[in-house]
Amino acid sequence: MIKNSKAAIIKMKYNFDEIIDRSNSHSVKLSKLKTVFGRDDLIPLWVADMDFLSPPAITEALLERTKHGIFGYTIAYDKYYLSIINWLKNRHDYQVLENEITFVPGVVKGFAFAIDTFTEKNDKIIIQPPVYHPFRIVTELLNRQVINNPLVLEDGKYKINFEGLKKIIAENDCKMLIFCSPHNPVGRVWNKDELKQLAEICYNNNILVISDEIHSDLILSGSKHLPFATVSEKARENSITLMAPSKTFNIAGIVSSFAIIHNKELRNRYLDYLIPRELDQGTIPALVATEAAYNHGAEWLDEVLAYIQKNIDFVDNYLKKNIPQIKVIKSEATFLVWLDCRDLKLTQKELVNLFVNKAKLALNDGEVFGKEGEGFMRLNVGTPRSNIEKALNNLKKAINE
């Protein structure tokens, strides 16, 4: 059951308690357990996709298109762009024009293309750990230097270290900042003052902001996402925004991301990289799924967010009652929960061993997100509550033993 704005009780239309067998679907979170964790008898709560059926409208649209039977070369079409434009306007009050949107085959690829386009080898790029690990990995693989401006954890909440950022910029010739908004893994939704301050600093120092907003639709109760480009003219003119319906509607395998670039000069340079390589060409499933998701997925999303919030509350209450040494960092967005395990007084190796080999759980090792993640683990709660309850019971038993 969920409540609407008038506090009336509404029966949920979708069943997120249903257990879906993903064992024969070539799912990364199952297929790579042995490779990553050394064993495959674990409850998989790591890879950032959900264990829920995607909105029926997406499945129906894909099936209907499949019935046509011809899958030749395709192009993005008006209704595809309009679905994005209307979604951003209705969901985020974000005004975007069709020519400011371009398909990209994944958000990670999107910022990799930006690194290639706007920086040179050995250039310095700022990230803010603990943060989504491809920010660091991709930057290093492309032979750029990673400059860390770690987030600050104060009173259970992460904040941007603006003084640290200014110091870094004063001491280094930085070309780019890759920004995570909302933040993965700590779940922060940045407020307008924070975004404006970041935009001001980067604009004044000629540092291009690449804003990864793939989790922008997964906003939990009491929070509101502000697209980076909306907070000021400096933000709008000095940024590339990367978005997708993939996390929102659990269609990551379809690959349906897009970039939004308001600054014409930046947009032309980015397209000059994409177009000769045909990296701006969407596939039939990507275009169809995006249109269906944004036109017909709002009700499903509202319900899944209510379910995720209850899952987070369940984890928080369970840990407070049964495992008080582990604390939930309050999450304002995403289905990913950042667990503070430092009171267990374990080394990171011992912590991982506890979760994997004793509790039989596959979570993300916090240290993957940077050394600032030492003592933390990332838990995916985008799964039926029964899976979470079983996982927490396993963890409680392992700690007690």
Protein backbone atom coordinates (compact mmCIF):
# COMPACT_ATOMS: atom_id res chain seq x y z
CA MET A 1 0.00 0.00 0.00
CA ILE A 2 1.17 3.56 -0.68
CA LYS A 3 -0.20 6.96 0.17
CA ASN A 4 -0.93 9.72 -2.31
CA SER A 5 -0.71 13.47 -1.62
CA LYS A 6 -4.18 13.46 -0.07
CA ALA A 7 -3.11 10.76 2.37
CA ALA A 8 -5.60 8.31 0.87
CA ILE A 9 -4.53 4.68 0.88
CA ILE A 10 -3.96 3.29 -2.61
CA LYS A 11 -3.51 -0.40 -3.31
CA MET A 12 -0.25 -1.07 -5.12
CA LYS A 13 -0.72 -2.29 -8.67
CA TYR A 14 2.66 -4.00 -9.01
CA ASN A 15 3.99 -6.92 -6.96
CA PHE A 16 7.57 -6.22 -5.95
CA ASP A 17 7.57 -9.11 -3.47
CA GLU A 18 7.56 -11.61 -6.35
CA ILE A 19 10.76 -13.63 -6.65
CA ILE A 20 11.92 -13.71 -10.28
CA ASP A 21 14.34 -16.47 -11.27
CA ARG A 22 17.25 -14.73 -13.02
CA SER A 23 19.53 -17.77 -13.12
CA ASN A 24 19.20 -18.38 -16.87
CA SER A 25 19.17 -14.76 -18.01
CA HIS A 26 22.95 -14.19 -18.14
CA SER A 27 22.66 -11.73 -15.27
CA VAL A 28 25.99 -10.20 -14.26
CA LYS A 29 25.11 -10.27 -10.56
CA LEU A 30 24.72 -14.07 -10.75
CA SER A 31 27.02 -15.11 -13.56
CA LYS A 32 30.08 -13.34 -12.14
CA LEU A 33 29.74 -14.34 -8.50
CA LYS A 34 32.45 -17.00 -8.76
CA THR A 35 34.81 -14.69 -10.65
CA VAL A 36 34.43 -11.73 -8.30
CA PHE A 37 33.81 -13.36 -4.92
CA GLY A 38 35.36 -16.81 -5.35
CA ARG A 39 32.09 -18.64 -4.74
CA ASP A 40 28.61 -18.75 -6.25
CA ASP A 41 26.47 -19.68 -3.22
CA LEU A 42 25.89 -16.06 -2.22
CA ILE A 43 22.81 -13.84 -2.03
CA PRO A 44 23.62 -11.29 -4.80
CA LEU A 45 23.09 -7.76 -3.50
CA TRP A 46 25.86 -5.97 -5.38
CA VAL A 47 25.40 -5.07 -9.08
CA ALA A 48 23.22 -1.95 -9.40
CA ASP A 49 20.17 -3.36 -11.12
CA MET A 50 16.88 -4.40 -9.53
CA ASP A 51 15.27 -7.80 -9.20
CA PHE A 52 11.85 -6.45 -10.19
CA LEU A 53 10.02 -6.87 -13.49
CA SER A 54 10.30 -3.71 -15.58
CA PRO A 55 7.10 -1.76 -16.29
CA PRO A 56 4.73 -3.82 -18.48
CA ALA A 57 4.49 -0.95 -20.97
CA ILE A 58 8.15 -1.45 -21.88
CA THR A 59 7.74 -5.18 -22.45
CA GLU A 60 4.59 -4.60 -24.49
CA ALA A 61 6.23 -1.94 -26.66
CA LEU A 62 9.22 -4.17 -27.36
CA LEU A 63 6.98 -7.13 -28.21
CA GLU A 64 4.84 -5.00 -30.50
CA ARG A 65 7.89 -3.70 -32.34
CA THR A 66 9.27 -7.25 -32.58
CA LYS A 67 6.10 -8.40 -34.35
CA HIS A 68 7.01 -6.18 -37.30
CA GLY A 69 9.76 -8.65 -38.10
CA ILE A 70 12.18 -6.29 -39.85
CA PHE A 71 15.03 -4.85 -37.80
CA GLY A 72 16.97 -2.78 -40.28
CA TYR A 73 18.90 0.43 -39.79
CA THR A 74 17.00 2.89 -37.62
CA ILE A 75 17.16 6.50 -36.53
CA ALA A 76 15.98 8.42 -33.48
CA TYR A 77 12.52 9.86 -34.16
CA ASP A 78 10.37 12.73 -32.93
CA LYS A 79 8.35 10.72 -30.40
CA TYR A 80 11.56 9.38 -28.85
CA TYR A 81 12.91 12.89 -28.27
CA LEU A 82 9.53 14.14 -27.11
CA SER A 83 9.28 11.42 -24.48
CA ILE A 84 12.59 12.59 -22.97
CA ILE A 85 11.67 16.27 -23.20
CA ASN A 86 8.27 15.75 -21.54
CA TRP A 87 9.68 13.49 -18.82
CA LEU A 88 12.38 15.98 -17.84
CA LYS A 89 9.90 18.84 -17.82
CA ASN A 90 7.27 17.00 -15.78
CA ARG A 91 9.59 15.17 -13.40
CA HIS A 92 12.37 17.72 -12.89
CA ASP A 93 11.08 21.01 -14.29
CA TYR A 94 14.02 20.81 -16.71
CA GLN A 95 13.54 22.47 -20.11
CA VAL A 96 15.48 20.71 -22.86
CA LEU A 97 15.39 21.12 -26.64
CA GLU A 98 15.58 18.24 -29.10
CA ASN A 99 18.86 19.39 -30.64
CA GLU A 100 20.45 19.43 -27.16
CA ILE A 101 19.92 15.68 -26.76
CA THR A 102 22.12 12.97 -28.23
CA PHE A 103 22.00 9.21 -27.72
CA VAL A 104 25.09 7.65 -26.13
CA PRO A 105 25.61 3.90 -25.65
CA GLY A 106 25.91 4.06 -21.87
CA VAL A 107 26.68 6.67 -19.22
CA VAL A 108 30.17 5.30 -18.52
CA LYS A 109 30.91 5.42 -22.23
CA GLY A 110 29.41 8.91 -22.28
CA PHE A 111 31.92 10.32 -19.84
CA ALA A 112 34.73 8.31 -21.44
CA PHE A 113 33.89 10.03 -24.75
CA ALA A 114 33.95 13.39 -22.93
CA ILE A 115 37.38 12.63 -21.52
CA ASP A 116 38.61 11.79 -25.02
CA THR A 117 37.00 14.91 -26.48
CA PHE A 118 37.88 17.60 -23.98
CA THR A 119 41.15 16.46 -22.38
CA GLU A 120 44.59 15.21 -23.38
CA LYS A 121 46.76 12.42 -21.96
CA ASN A 122 48.14 13.26 -18.50
CA ASP A 123 45.50 15.96 -17.95
CA LYS A 124 44.09 16.11 -14.43
CA ILE A 125 40.48 15.18 -13.70
CA ILE A 126 38.76 15.66 -10.35
CA ILE A 127 36.51 13.08 -8.72
CA GLN A 128 34.94 13.08 -5.24
CA PRO A 129 35.31 9.72 -3.48
CA PRO A 130 33.87 7.56 -2.18
CA VAL A 131 32.31 7.50 -5.63
CA TYR A 132 31.21 5.19 -8.43
CA HIS A 133 34.45 3.37 -9.24
CA PRO A 134 34.43 3.72 -13.07
CA PHE A 135 35.06 7.45 -12.54
CA ARG A 136 38.53 6.49 -11.36
CA ILE A 137 39.07 3.38 -13.45
CA VAL A 138 38.09 4.89 -16.82
CA THR A 139 40.08 8.06 -16.16
CA GLU A 140 43.21 6.06 -15.37
CA LEU A 141 42.74 3.67 -18.32
CA LEU A 142 42.56 6.71 -20.62
CA ASN A 143 45.92 7.86 -19.21
CA ARG A 144 44.60 10.88 -17.36
CA GLN A 145 45.52 11.75 -13.78
CA VAL A 146 42.88 11.33 -11.10
CA ILE A 147 42.75 14.13 -8.55
CA ASN A 148 40.71 13.23 -5.47
CA ASN A 149 38.62 15.74 -3.56
CA PRO A 150 37.06 13.40 -0.96
CA LEU A 151 33.60 14.05 0.38
CA VAL A 152 33.39 14.87 4.08
CA LEU A 153 31.22 12.80 6.42
CA GLU A 154 29.77 14.97 9.17
CA ASP A 155 27.02 13.90 11.57
CA GLY A 156 26.05 10.99 9.35
CA LYS A 157 25.80 13.07 6.16
CA TYR A 158 28.26 13.52 3.30
CA LYS A 159 29.16 16.99 2.07
CA ILE A 160 31.32 18.42 -0.70
CA ASN A 161 34.63 19.76 0.60
CA PHE A 162 34.60 23.11 -1.19
CA GLU A 163 37.70 24.42 0.59
CA GLY A 164 39.55 21.27 -0.39
CA LEU A 165 38.34 21.69 -3.97
CA LYS A 166 39.62 25.27 -4.13
CA LYS A 167 42.98 24.16 -2.74
CA ILE A 168 43.26 21.37 -5.30
CA ILE A 169 42.44 23.74 -8.14
CA ALA A 170 44.98 26.28 -6.89
CA GLU A 171 47.70 23.62 -6.88
CA ASN A 172 46.77 21.74 -10.06
CA ASP A 173 45.84 22.56 -13.64
CA CYS A 174 42.61 20.53 -13.70
CA LYS A 175 40.54 20.23 -16.88
CA MET A 176 37.44 18.36 -15.80
CA LEU A 177 35.33 17.31 -12.82
CA ILE A 178 33.20 14.17 -13.05
CA PHE A 179 30.23 14.73 -10.77
CA CYS A 180 27.80 12.13 -9.38
CA SER A 181 24.31 13.53 -8.83
CA PRO A 182 22.56 11.94 -6.99
CA HIS A 183 25.65 10.44 -5.45
CA ASN A 184 26.52 6.76 -5.73
CA PRO A 185 27.23 5.14 -3.28
CA VAL A 186 26.42 7.57 -0.44
CA GLY A 187 22.90 8.49 -1.62
CA ARG A 188 23.18 12.28 -1.36
CA VAL A 189 20.82 14.54 -3.31
CA TRP A 190 22.73 17.80 -3.67
CA ASN A 191 20.87 21.01 -2.85
CA LYS A 192 20.78 24.18 -4.94
CA ASP A 193 23.40 26.02 -2.89
CA GLU A 194 25.86 23.15 -3.22
CA LEU A 195 25.28 22.85 -6.96
CA LYS A 196 25.58 26.60 -7.57
CA GLN A 197 28.80 26.79 -5.56
CA LEU A 198 30.29 23.89 -7.50
CA ALA A 199 29.21 25.45 -10.80
CA GLU A 200 30.77 28.79 -9.85
CA ILE A 201 34.11 27.29 -8.88
CA CYS A 202 34.37 25.12 -11.99
CA TYR A 203 33.24 27.83 -14.42
CA ASN A 204 35.65 30.40 -13.00
CA ASN A 205 38.53 27.94 -13.30
CA ASN A 206 37.67 26.60 -16.76
CA ILE A 207 36.94 23.11 -15.44
CA LEU A 208 34.27 21.28 -17.45
CA VAL A 209 31.67 19.45 -15.34
CA ILE A 210 30.44 16.06 -16.51
CA SER A 211 27.31 15.40 -14.44
CA ASP A 212 26.34 11.74 -14.16
CA GLU A 213 22.63 11.90 -13.31
CA ILE A 214 21.67 8.31 -14.06
CA HIS A 215 19.98 8.00 -10.63
CA SER A 216 18.08 11.28 -10.97
CA ASP A 217 14.64 9.65 -11.09
CA LEU A 218 15.26 7.44 -8.05
CA ILE A 219 14.61 10.15 -5.49
CA LEU A 220 13.29 9.07 -2.12
CA SER A 221 10.71 10.69 0.13
CA GLY A 222 11.50 14.24 1.19
CA SER A 223 14.17 14.97 -1.42
CA LYS A 224 14.15 16.66 -4.83
CA HIS A 225 16.69 16.28 -7.61
CA LEU A 226 17.91 19.43 -9.34
CA PRO A 227 19.65 18.81 -12.67
CA PHE A 228 23.05 20.47 -12.48
CA ALA A 229 22.44 22.52 -15.63
CA THR A 230 19.36 24.17 -14.11
CA VAL A 231 20.92 25.90 -11.11
CA SER A 232 22.70 28.76 -12.91
CA GLU A 233 23.76 30.02 -16.31
CA LYS A 234 27.36 29.06 -15.48
CA ALA A 235 26.27 25.52 -14.75
CA ARG A 236 24.24 25.36 -17.96
CA GLU A 237 27.07 26.63 -20.17
CA ASN A 238 29.86 24.59 -18.58
CA SER A 239 28.46 21.07 -18.30
CA ILE A 240 27.45 17.89 -20.02
CA THR A 241 24.60 15.98 -18.36
CA LEU A 242 24.37 12.21 -18.76
CA MET A 243 21.03 10.50 -18.08
CA ALA A 244 19.19 7.27 -18.87
CA PRO A 245 16.00 5.37 -18.12
CA SER A 246 18.14 2.32 -17.35
CA LYS A 247 18.43 2.45 -13.55
CA THR A 248 14.98 4.00 -13.20
CA PHE A 249 13.07 1.27 -15.00
CA ASN A 250 15.51 -1.65 -14.64
CA ILE A 251 16.52 -1.81 -18.30
CA ALA A 252 20.30 -1.42 -18.03
CA GLY A 253 20.86 -4.29 -20.46
CA ILE A 254 19.04 -2.41 -23.21
CA VAL A 255 21.59 0.47 -23.15
CA SER A 256 19.52 3.61 -23.58
CA SER A 257 21.52 6.58 -22.30
CA PHE A 258 21.66 10.11 -23.61
CA ALA A 259 23.69 13.29 -23.17
CA ILE A 260 22.25 16.79 -22.82
CA ILE A 261 24.51 19.68 -23.83
CA HIS A 262 23.18 23.24 -23.89
CA ASN A 263 26.39 25.00 -24.87
CA LYS A 264 26.54 24.86 -28.67
CA GLU A 265 30.33 24.86 -28.85
CA LEU A 266 30.64 21.99 -26.36
CA ARG A 267 27.84 20.12 -28.13
CA ASN A 268 29.47 20.43 -31.54
CA ARG A 269 32.82 19.24 -30.20
CA TYR A 270 31.19 16.25 -28.52
CA LEU A 271 29.23 15.38 -31.65
CA ASP A 272 32.39 15.74 -33.73
CA TYR A 273 33.73 12.85 -31.65
CA LEU A 274 30.55 10.74 -31.66
CA ILE A 275 29.30 11.09 -35.23
CA PRO A 276 32.32 9.80 -37.20
CA ARG A 277 32.35 6.73 -34.94
CA GLU A 278 28.55 6.31 -35.16
CA LEU A 279 28.38 6.38 -31.36
CA ASP A 280 25.30 8.60 -31.46
CA GLN A 281 23.17 5.91 -33.16
CA GLY A 282 20.53 4.34 -30.94
CA THR A 283 19.31 0.78 -31.43
CA ILE A 284 15.69 -0.20 -32.03
CA PRO A 285 15.23 -1.64 -28.49
CA ALA A 286 16.84 1.42 -26.89
CA LEU A 287 14.63 3.92 -28.69
CA VAL A 288 11.43 1.92 -28.21
CA ALA A 289 12.08 1.18 -24.53
CA THR A 290 12.97 4.79 -23.74
CA GLU A 291 9.79 6.11 -25.34
CA ALA A 292 7.62 3.54 -23.53
CA ALA A 293 9.33 4.09 -20.18
CA TYR A 294 9.02 7.85 -20.17
CA ASN A 295 5.49 7.91 -21.57
CA HIS A 296 3.99 5.15 -19.45
CA GLY A 297 6.33 4.33 -16.55
CA ALA A 298 5.53 7.02 -13.97
CA GLU A 299 3.00 4.99 -11.96
CA TRP A 300 5.36 2.01 -11.78
CA LEU A 301 8.21 4.26 -10.68
CA ASP A 302 6.20 5.88 -7.91
CA GLU A 303 5.31 2.45 -6.56
CA VAL A 304 8.83 1.04 -6.78
CA LEU A 305 10.21 4.09 -4.97
CA ALA A 306 7.71 3.54 -2.15
CA TYR A 307 8.80 -0.10 -1.95
CA ILE A 308 12.51 0.81 -1.96
CA GLN A 309 11.97 3.36 0.82
CA LYS A 310 10.30 0.65 2.93
CA ASN A 311 13.21 -1.69 2.20
CA ILE A 312 15.68 0.95 3.39
CA ASP A 313 13.60 1.55 6.52
CA PHE A 314 13.52 -2.20 7.12
CA VAL A 315 17.32 -2.44 6.90
CA ASP A 316 17.79 0.55 9.18
CA ASN A 317 15.40 -0.76 11.83
CA TYR A 318 16.79 -4.31 11.66
CA LEU A 319 20.37 -3.13 12.12
CA LYS A 320 19.50 -0.80 15.00
CA LYS A 321 17.77 -3.66 16.79
CA ASN A 322 20.04 -6.59 15.93
CA ILE A 323 23.41 -5.34 14.64
CA PRO A 324 23.96 -1.84 16.09
CA GLN A 325 27.63 -1.94 15.07
CA ILE A 326 26.49 -1.42 11.46
CA LYS A 327 24.74 1.84 10.63
CA VAL A 328 22.81 2.99 7.58
CA ILE A 329 23.98 6.28 6.08
CA LYS A 330 20.69 8.08 5.42
CA SER A 331 19.92 7.68 1.73
CA GLU A 332 18.11 10.43 -0.14
CA ALA A 333 18.14 8.60 -3.49
CA THR A 334 18.84 5.31 -5.28
CA PHE A 335 18.22 1.71 -4.25
CA LEU A 336 21.80 1.48 -2.97
CA VAL A 337 22.47 1.68 0.76
CA TRP A 338 25.86 2.74 2.18
CA LEU A 339 26.58 0.73 5.32
CA ASP A 340 28.98 2.09 7.93
CA CYS A 341 30.62 -1.01 9.43
CA ARG A 342 33.52 0.72 11.19
CA ASP A 343 32.26 -0.11 14.68
CA LEU A 344 32.89 -3.79 13.94
CA LYS A 345 36.59 -2.90 14.30
CA LEU A 346 37.60 -5.15 11.38
CA THR A 347 40.15 -4.59 8.67
CA GLN A 348 38.63 -4.27 5.20
CA LYS A 349 39.84 -7.76 4.34
CA GLU A 350 38.20 -9.13 7.48
CA LEU A 351 35.01 -7.18 6.75
CA VAL A 352 34.74 -8.60 3.24
CA ASN A 353 35.44 -12.08 4.59
CA LEU A 354 32.64 -11.66 7.13
CA PHE A 355 30.10 -10.76 4.45
CA VAL A 356 31.23 -13.22 1.77
CA ASN A 357 32.48 -16.33 3.51
CA LYS A 358 30.58 -16.21 6.80
CA ALA A 359 27.29 -14.50 5.95
CA LYS A 360 27.22 -15.76 2.33
CA LEU A 361 26.41 -12.29 0.96
CA ALA A 362 27.66 -10.54 -2.16
CA LEU A 363 27.82 -6.80 -1.48
CA ASN A 364 30.17 -4.21 -2.96
CA ASP A 365 33.39 -3.75 -1.02
CA GLY A 366 33.38 -0.10 0.09
CA GLU A 367 37.06 0.30 -0.69
CA VAL A 368 36.30 -0.14 -4.40
CA PHE A 369 34.83 3.37 -4.30
CA GLY A 370 38.10 4.80 -3.00
CA LYS A 371 40.13 4.47 0.19
CA GLU A 372 37.49 6.67 1.80
CA GLY A 373 35.18 3.64 1.55
CA GLU A 374 37.27 1.58 3.95
CA GLY A 375 35.01 0.26 6.70
CA PHE A 376 31.91 0.49 4.49
CA MET A 377 29.90 -1.86 2.28
CA ARG A 378 27.29 -1.07 -0.41
CA LEU A 379 23.99 -2.94 -0.25
CA ASN A 380 21.49 -3.14 -3.11
CA VAL A 381 17.93 -3.11 -1.73
CA GLY A 382 16.25 -3.20 -5.16
CA THR A 383 15.05 -6.71 -4.44
CA PRO A 384 12.08 -8.42 -2.74
CA ARG A 385 12.08 -7.80 1.02
CA SER A 386 12.30 -11.51 1.73
CA ASN A 387 15.78 -11.52 0.14
CA ILE A 388 16.85 -8.65 2.36
CA GLU A 389 15.46 -10.28 5.50
CA LYS A 390 17.29 -13.51 4.69
CA ALA A 391 20.51 -11.60 4.03
CA LEU A 392 20.31 -9.68 7.31
CA ASN A 393 19.55 -12.84 9.25
CA ASN A 394 22.65 -14.42 7.69
CA LEU A 395 24.70 -11.40 8.69
CA LYS A 396 23.39 -11.39 12.25
CA LYS A 397 24.18 -15.08 12.64
CA ALA A 398 27.69 -14.63 11.22
CA ILE A 399 28.46 -11.76 13.60
CA ASN A 400 27.06 -13.61 16.60
CA GLU A 401 29.21 -16.61 15.80
